[in-house]
Amino acid sequence: MAELAPTVAPTPTMAKRMQNMFNRKEVLISTAVFIVFLIFWQWGPTWFGIPNYIIPPASDVYHEFIRMLGSDKLMYHTLYTAKGVLIGFFLGALLGMIIGYILGMSPTAEFVLSPYILALQIAPKVAFAPLFVMWFGFTSTPKILVAVLIVFFPIMVNVLGAIRTIDRDLINLVNSFKASRLQLFWKVEFRAAMPSLFSGLRIASTLAVIGIVVGEMVGGNEGLGYLLVWGSGSANTSMVFVSIIMLTLIGLVAYLAVIWAENKVLHYIPKRSSTGPQV
C-alpha cells in the first residue's frame, strides 16, 4: 500500500498576503498624515501670522487639556455628555425603529402621520432646546430630548424603507407554512431590516452628540457643551479646542461601537476587499 503523503499546513494565499501588505501601508499613511497635521497645527499659525487667541498651537491645547483635567473637572463633564449621548441615542433609535416599523406595515398610518413627522424634522432642533428648558428646567432631560429628536428621523426612514421593500413572495412563502405573526416578524421582517437599520445607526451615533451639545449650550452648567460656552465667553480658545476634541472622541467611540455591533450581527454579509476578491 502506498504511503500517504504528509499533510502540509496551508500557506496564506497571495491575495491574503497582499491584503496584509495594503493594511500595513494604509496604517503607515494614516499615521504619517496625522503627524503632518500635528506639525502644521503646531507651527502653521506662526508661519501665517495667526494670533494664538484665534488658532492656538497644539502644545497650548495640550497644556490646557492637562489643566482642565485638574481644575475644570474635564473627565466629569466628558462622562456627563457621554451618558447623555448614550441615553439619547438609545431612546431615539428605539422610537425610530418602532415608528418606522408601524409606518412600513400600515400605509394608512404613513399617510396620516408622515406630514407631522416631516414637519417635526424640518423644524430646527435648536429652537426646541430653550422650550424644553422652560418645560423641564436645567436638568439632563432637555438635552436628551433634543438628541432623541435628531436621532429619531434617520432611523425611522431607514427602517420604513427596509420594511416597505421586503419581498412579498418571501412573506407569502412563510405564511404558506402557517407561520405565526411573531415568527414572520423575527424570521423575515426583522432580519430584512437589519442592514438598513445599521446604516441609520451609523448616522445617528454622530447626530446624538450634536443633539446633546445643542442642549448643553442652550441651558445647563454641566457637560462639554457648557465648557464650550464657558471657553468662548472667557476668550479661552484652547478650552474650546479641548472641548471639541473630547466631543469628537465621544462621537468616534459611538460610531466604532455601532460598526462593531454591525460586524457581529451582519457577519454573514460579505465585506468589500480593497485588494479584490479572495482567491
Protein backbone atom coordinates (compact mmCIF):
# COMPACT_ATOMS: atom_id res chain seq x y z
CA MET A 1 0.00 0.00 0.00
CA ALA A 2 1.36 3.38 -0.98
CA GLU A 3 2.22 5.66 1.86
CA LEU A 4 0.04 8.68 2.32
CA ALA A 5 1.67 11.99 1.65
CA PRO A 6 2.29 14.02 4.81
CA THR A 7 -0.26 16.73 5.48
CA VAL A 8 1.11 20.18 4.82
CA ALA A 9 -0.39 23.17 6.55
CA PRO A 10 -1.94 25.51 4.02
CA THR A 11 0.00 28.67 3.35
CA PRO A 12 -1.64 32.08 3.08
CA THR A 13 -2.88 32.87 -0.38
CA MET A 14 -1.33 35.60 -2.45
CA ALA A 15 -4.48 37.71 -2.02
CA LYS A 16 -4.23 37.39 1.77
CA ARG A 17 -0.59 38.46 1.79
CA MET A 18 -1.40 41.38 -0.48
CA GLN A 19 -4.26 42.42 1.80
CA ASN A 20 -1.99 42.39 4.87
CA MET A 21 0.57 44.46 2.98
CA PHE A 22 -2.06 47.01 1.96
CA ASN A 23 -3.36 47.19 5.53
CA ARG A 24 0.12 47.97 6.87
CA LYS A 25 0.61 50.53 4.12
CA GLU A 26 -2.70 52.23 4.95
CA VAL A 27 -1.82 52.40 8.66
CA LEU A 28 1.56 53.97 7.86
CA ILE A 29 -0.01 56.51 5.53
CA SER A 30 -2.67 57.39 8.08
CA THR A 31 -0.04 57.82 10.80
CA ALA A 32 2.09 60.00 8.54
CA VAL A 33 -0.88 62.22 7.70
CA PHE A 34 -1.65 62.62 11.42
CA ILE A 35 1.95 63.60 12.18
CA VAL A 36 1.96 66.15 9.36
CA PHE A 37 -1.33 67.53 10.68
CA LEU A 38 0.13 67.95 14.18
CA ILE A 39 3.24 69.66 12.80
CA PHE A 40 1.16 72.05 10.73
CA TRP A 41 -1.12 72.74 13.71
CA GLN A 42 1.84 73.47 15.98
CA TRP A 43 3.78 75.81 13.70
CA GLY A 44 1.27 76.71 10.98
CA PRO A 45 -0.37 79.61 12.83
CA THR A 46 3.07 81.18 13.43
CA TRP A 47 4.04 80.75 9.77
CA PHE A 48 0.88 82.53 8.63
CA GLY A 49 0.91 85.13 11.39
CA ILE A 50 -2.32 83.91 13.03
CA PRO A 51 -2.61 85.00 16.69
CA ASN A 52 -2.84 82.31 19.35
CA TYR A 53 -6.23 83.53 20.55
CA ILE A 54 -7.65 82.61 17.11
CA ILE A 55 -5.91 79.27 16.48
CA PRO A 56 -3.75 78.15 19.41
CA PRO A 57 -0.86 75.78 18.64
CA ALA A 58 -1.21 72.12 19.54
CA SER A 59 1.11 72.50 22.55
CA ASP A 60 -1.16 75.17 24.08
CA VAL A 61 -4.18 72.92 23.60
CA TYR A 62 -2.32 70.05 25.26
CA HIS A 63 -1.35 72.19 28.24
CA GLU A 64 -4.94 73.40 28.55
CA PHE A 65 -6.10 69.79 28.44
CA ILE A 66 -3.81 68.93 31.38
CA ARG A 67 -5.01 71.98 33.30
CA MET A 68 -8.68 71.17 32.67
CA LEU A 69 -8.19 67.64 33.96
CA GLY A 70 -7.40 69.03 37.39
CA SER A 71 -9.11 72.42 37.57
CA ASP A 72 -12.26 72.14 35.44
CA LYS A 73 -13.26 68.50 36.05
CA LEU A 74 -12.87 67.70 32.36
CA MET A 75 -13.47 63.97 32.75
CA TYR A 76 -16.62 64.59 34.78
CA HIS A 77 -18.05 66.84 32.06
CA THR A 78 -16.96 64.34 29.38
CA LEU A 79 -18.69 61.43 31.12
CA TYR A 80 -21.79 63.57 31.69
CA THR A 81 -22.01 64.30 27.96
CA ALA A 82 -21.23 60.70 27.02
CA LYS A 83 -24.02 59.45 29.28
CA GLY A 84 -26.47 61.83 27.63
CA VAL A 85 -25.33 60.70 24.18
CA LEU A 86 -25.85 57.05 25.12
CA ILE A 87 -29.35 57.63 26.54
CA GLY A 88 -30.46 59.93 23.72
CA PHE A 89 -29.10 57.55 21.08
CA PHE A 90 -30.82 54.53 22.63
CA LEU A 91 -34.21 56.23 23.09
CA GLY A 92 -34.14 57.90 19.67
CA ALA A 93 -33.14 54.67 17.93
CA LEU A 94 -35.83 52.69 19.76
CA LEU A 95 -38.51 55.24 18.92
CA GLY A 96 -37.35 55.40 15.29
CA MET A 97 -37.46 51.63 14.92
CA ILE A 98 -40.96 51.38 16.38
CA ILE A 99 -42.44 54.24 14.35
CA GLY A 100 -40.64 53.13 11.18
CA TYR A 101 -41.99 49.61 11.54
CA ILE A 102 -45.55 50.84 12.16
CA LEU A 103 -45.45 53.16 9.14
CA GLY A 104 -43.90 50.44 6.97
CA MET A 105 -46.62 47.96 7.88
CA SER A 106 -49.54 50.38 7.56
CA PRO A 107 -49.81 52.69 4.51
CA THR A 108 -52.73 54.38 6.26
CA ALA A 109 -50.62 55.23 9.28
CA GLU A 110 -47.86 56.51 6.99
CA PHE A 111 -50.31 58.76 5.14
CA VAL A 112 -51.75 60.16 8.37
CA LEU A 113 -48.55 60.62 10.40
CA SER A 114 -45.95 61.45 7.74
CA PRO A 115 -46.83 65.18 7.45
CA TYR A 116 -46.43 65.67 11.19
CA ILE A 117 -43.19 63.70 11.36
CA LEU A 118 -41.82 65.64 8.39
CA ALA A 119 -42.79 68.95 9.99
CA LEU A 120 -41.02 67.89 13.19
CA GLN A 121 -37.91 67.04 11.20
CA ILE A 122 -37.91 70.28 9.21
CA ALA A 123 -38.26 72.44 12.33
CA PRO A 124 -34.78 73.45 13.61
CA LYS A 125 -33.87 71.38 16.64
CA VAL A 126 -32.11 74.33 18.25
CA ALA A 127 -35.50 76.01 18.56
CA PHE A 128 -36.78 73.15 20.72
CA ALA A 129 -33.91 73.32 23.21
CA PRO A 130 -34.99 76.50 25.05
CA LEU A 131 -38.58 75.28 25.01
CA PHE A 132 -37.55 72.02 26.68
CA VAL A 133 -35.54 74.00 29.23
CA MET A 134 -38.63 76.02 30.13
CA TRP A 135 -40.66 72.83 30.47
CA PHE A 136 -38.20 70.61 32.36
CA GLY A 137 -35.74 73.06 33.88
CA PHE A 138 -31.93 72.93 33.85
CA THR A 139 -31.72 69.15 34.05
CA SER A 140 -30.45 66.46 31.69
CA THR A 141 -33.94 65.90 30.26
CA PRO A 142 -33.91 68.80 27.72
CA LYS A 143 -30.56 67.67 26.30
CA ILE A 144 -31.70 64.07 25.94
CA LEU A 145 -34.95 65.14 24.26
CA VAL A 146 -33.05 67.19 21.67
CA ALA A 147 -30.81 64.18 20.96
CA VAL A 148 -33.86 61.93 20.63
CA LEU A 149 -35.42 64.28 18.08
CA ILE A 150 -32.24 64.34 15.99
CA VAL A 151 -31.59 60.59 16.18
CA PHE A 152 -35.19 59.57 15.52
CA PHE A 153 -35.59 60.58 11.88
CA PRO A 154 -32.73 58.72 10.12
CA ILE A 155 -33.57 55.53 12.00
CA MET A 156 -37.26 55.83 11.17
CA VAL A 157 -36.64 56.47 7.46
CA ASN A 158 -34.22 53.54 7.10
CA VAL A 159 -36.48 51.08 8.90
CA LEU A 160 -39.52 52.30 6.94
CA GLY A 161 -37.70 51.83 3.64
CA ALA A 162 -36.49 48.36 4.61
CA ILE A 163 -39.96 47.17 5.65
CA ARG A 164 -41.62 48.54 2.53
CA THR A 165 -39.15 46.78 0.22
CA ILE A 166 -39.40 43.27 1.69
CA ASP A 167 -40.05 40.68 -1.00
CA ARG A 168 -43.78 39.87 -0.87
CA ASP A 169 -43.14 36.42 -2.33
CA LEU A 170 -40.96 35.64 0.68
CA ILE A 171 -43.73 36.70 3.06
CA ASN A 172 -46.26 34.59 1.16
CA LEU A 173 -43.89 31.62 1.34
CA VAL A 174 -43.53 31.95 5.11
CA ASN A 175 -47.30 32.34 5.50
CA SER A 176 -47.83 29.16 3.47
CA PHE A 177 -46.03 27.26 6.23
CA LYS A 178 -48.57 28.57 8.75
CA ALA A 179 -46.02 30.79 10.48
CA SER A 180 -47.28 32.92 13.35
CA ARG A 181 -47.13 36.71 13.28
CA LEU A 182 -44.20 36.66 15.69
CA GLN A 183 -42.32 34.15 13.53
CA LEU A 184 -42.93 36.27 10.43
CA PHE A 185 -41.56 39.30 12.22
CA TRP A 186 -38.48 37.52 13.60
CA LYS A 187 -37.62 35.36 10.59
CA VAL A 188 -38.33 37.83 7.78
CA GLU A 189 -39.11 41.43 8.70
CA PHE A 190 -36.59 41.88 11.49
CA ARG A 191 -33.70 40.34 9.58
CA ALA A 192 -34.54 42.16 6.36
CA ALA A 193 -34.42 45.49 8.17
CA MET A 194 -31.04 44.90 9.82
CA PRO A 195 -28.72 46.25 7.07
CA SER A 196 -30.74 49.44 6.65
CA LEU A 197 -31.11 49.81 10.40
CA PHE A 198 -27.37 49.74 10.97
CA SER A 199 -26.87 52.29 8.20
CA GLY A 200 -29.21 54.59 10.10
CA LEU A 201 -27.49 53.80 13.40
CA ARG A 202 -24.14 54.89 11.97
CA ILE A 203 -25.59 58.28 11.10
CA ALA A 204 -27.50 58.56 14.36
CA SER A 205 -24.45 57.78 16.50
CA THR A 206 -22.83 61.06 15.41
CA LEU A 207 -26.05 63.07 15.41
CA ALA A 208 -26.66 62.13 19.05
CA VAL A 209 -23.51 64.04 20.02
CA ILE A 210 -24.80 67.13 18.19
CA GLY A 211 -28.16 66.90 19.96
CA ILE A 212 -26.63 66.68 23.43
CA VAL A 213 -24.21 69.55 22.78
CA VAL A 214 -27.01 71.80 21.49
CA GLY A 215 -28.98 71.14 24.66
CA GLU A 216 -25.96 71.77 26.90
CA MET A 217 -25.10 75.01 25.13
CA VAL A 218 -28.63 76.39 25.40
CA GLY A 219 -29.15 75.64 29.07
CA GLY A 220 -27.10 73.85 31.67
CA ASN A 221 -23.99 74.01 33.79
CA GLU A 222 -22.58 70.56 33.07
CA GLY A 223 -21.15 68.78 30.06
CA LEU A 224 -18.77 69.62 27.25
CA GLY A 225 -21.33 71.95 25.67
CA TYR A 226 -21.22 74.02 28.84
CA LEU A 227 -17.41 74.12 28.65
CA LEU A 228 -17.67 75.26 25.04
CA VAL A 229 -19.85 78.20 26.05
CA TRP A 230 -17.65 79.00 29.04
CA GLY A 231 -14.47 78.88 26.96
CA SER A 232 -15.86 81.11 24.21
CA GLY A 233 -17.27 83.56 26.77
CA SER A 234 -13.90 83.86 28.51
CA ALA A 235 -11.98 84.05 25.19
CA ASN A 236 -10.16 80.81 26.06
CA THR A 237 -9.75 79.33 22.60
CA SER A 238 -7.67 76.43 23.89
CA MET A 239 -10.55 75.35 26.14
CA VAL A 240 -12.88 75.43 23.13
CA PHE A 241 -10.47 73.24 21.17
CA VAL A 242 -10.16 70.76 24.04
CA SER A 243 -13.95 70.53 24.31
CA ILE A 244 -14.27 69.97 20.56
CA ILE A 245 -11.63 67.23 20.62
CA MET A 246 -13.36 65.43 23.51
CA LEU A 247 -16.71 65.65 21.69
CA THR A 248 -15.07 64.22 18.59
CA LEU A 249 -13.71 61.32 20.61
CA ILE A 250 -17.17 60.60 22.04
CA GLY A 251 -18.67 60.57 18.56
CA LEU A 252 -15.85 58.38 17.26
CA VAL A 253 -16.32 55.83 20.05
CA ALA A 254 -20.08 55.75 19.44
CA TYR A 255 -19.56 55.27 15.70
CA LEU A 256 -17.00 52.49 16.19
CA ALA A 257 -19.32 50.77 18.68
CA VAL A 258 -22.06 50.69 16.03
CA ILE A 259 -19.60 49.26 13.48
CA TRP A 260 -18.53 46.58 15.97
CA ALA A 261 -22.15 45.60 16.63
CA GLU A 262 -22.85 45.60 12.90
CA ASN A 263 -19.95 43.24 12.23
CA LYS A 264 -21.21 40.90 14.94
CA VAL A 265 -24.83 40.91 13.78
CA LEU A 266 -24.31 41.08 10.00
CA HIS A 267 -21.28 38.81 9.85
CA TYR A 268 -22.89 36.82 7.04
CA ILE A 269 -22.79 39.79 4.64
CA PRO A 270 -19.56 39.74 2.58
CA LYS A 271 -17.28 42.72 3.06
CA ARG A 272 -15.69 44.57 0.17
CA SER A 273 -11.95 43.99 -0.06
CA SER A 274 -9.53 46.68 -1.19
CA THR A 275 -7.43 44.03 -2.95
CA GLY A 276 -10.22 42.48 -4.94
CA PRO A 277 -11.90 39.11 -4.50
CA GLN A 278 -10.15 36.48 -2.45
CA VAL A 279 -8.53 33.61 -4.33
